Amino acid sequence: MKMLTDRHIKRLFCLVLTLTVGFSLLSAVLLTAGGQHIARYLPAAFACMGLLVLTAMYCYFRRQHQTMAHAIEQLHAFLAGDPTARIECDDEGELNRLFHEVNSLAAILNAHAENEGRAKRFMKDTLSDISHQLKPPLAALNIYNGILQQQADPDTIREFTALSEHELDRIQTLVHNLLTITKLDAGTIVLDKSEHNLSDLMADVERRFAMQAQQQGTMLSCSGDDTISLSCDAHWLGEAIGNLVKNALDHTKADDTVTVTWRAFASIVQITVQDSGSGIHPEDLPHIFKRFYRSRFSKDTQGVGLGLPLAKTIIEAHSGTIEVDNALGRGTIFTINLLIPTTL
């Protein structure tokens, strides 16, 4: 019987059983012995047994009442806003199991409240960051538009039209990256994984950034095993690697080198993006994957701080990891490790 797992119920049950058996044995002895006082002894013994049973039951229910009162007090404290309020449930028994479930429910509610609080803070910070990032290009566009309205010179119009187009590209990139990260976080983007040759994927990345590398005089080199294939979403993985390559190019100058390599091990495919640029300041290393993070040491005034977080989100969606190795003044190496699915 499950209710007998409660030691207090078991103790009460044993006490009542003992008193009942004792009274029965005493009654049997008195009846066997006989005598003229038997009529007085039996009612007295029965009264004593009844009194003892009632006393035991009173003590048990008094303790149960105190336990329930404490439980109600803790529930009221939790509902009043005390997240640490809990009901003591160290003993065994059905009532303590109920208290344990109530404590578990309280812990779950606390976790949901904390998650909701973090989500609200994240939304607040994100909106603040978006506002902060959109203000400069919008202000620039407003200035350029005012200048264009006052100018009739074709050269001036072409110059500020090009500047306006650049600022619009910044806004488009910002909005695109924000929407992509939000969709990945919400799980509304389903990765379409299939087998892809890694060399073909890297060739696409190289073509996308060949012009930028050529314009700034940086050498972009991609090399690796042509036979490696990987189960991935080529579009999104290419987006992630492209963000790393763009980040490397943005932090290198003429005559620097950006190298992309890939190789396979027993259980992983490893992709590295290495540059010989300025490197990352040690103060910034713990924060480079935070959204909208901008280093106070960075000379890049055009970035919005979303490329690396987006790359990390996409890689983790592929069940992969990304690490960074850095030497200030000598360059940075980003290493992507992607698991090779195995059949056991």
Foldseek 3Di string as FASTA:
>chain_A
DQQCQFVLVVVLVVLLVVLVVVLVVVLVVCVVVDDDCNVVVNVVSVVVSVVVNVVSVVVSVVVVVVLVVLLVVLVVVVVVPDLPRARDQPGGHDVSVVSVVVRVVSVVVVVVVVVVVVVVVVVVVVVVLLVVQLVVLVVLLVVLVVVCVVDDDPVSVVVSVVVNVVSVVLNVVVVVLVVLVVCLVVVVDDWDWDKDFVVVLVVVLCVVCVVVCVVQQEAEEEDEDRPDIATGRSVLLSLLVSLVQVVQSLQAGHPKYWYWYWYDDPWKIKIKIKIQGQKDDPVCQVPLLPAQDDDPPDPDPRDRSRSNVSSQSRLVVQVKHWDKDTDGGGIIMIMIIHTHDDDD
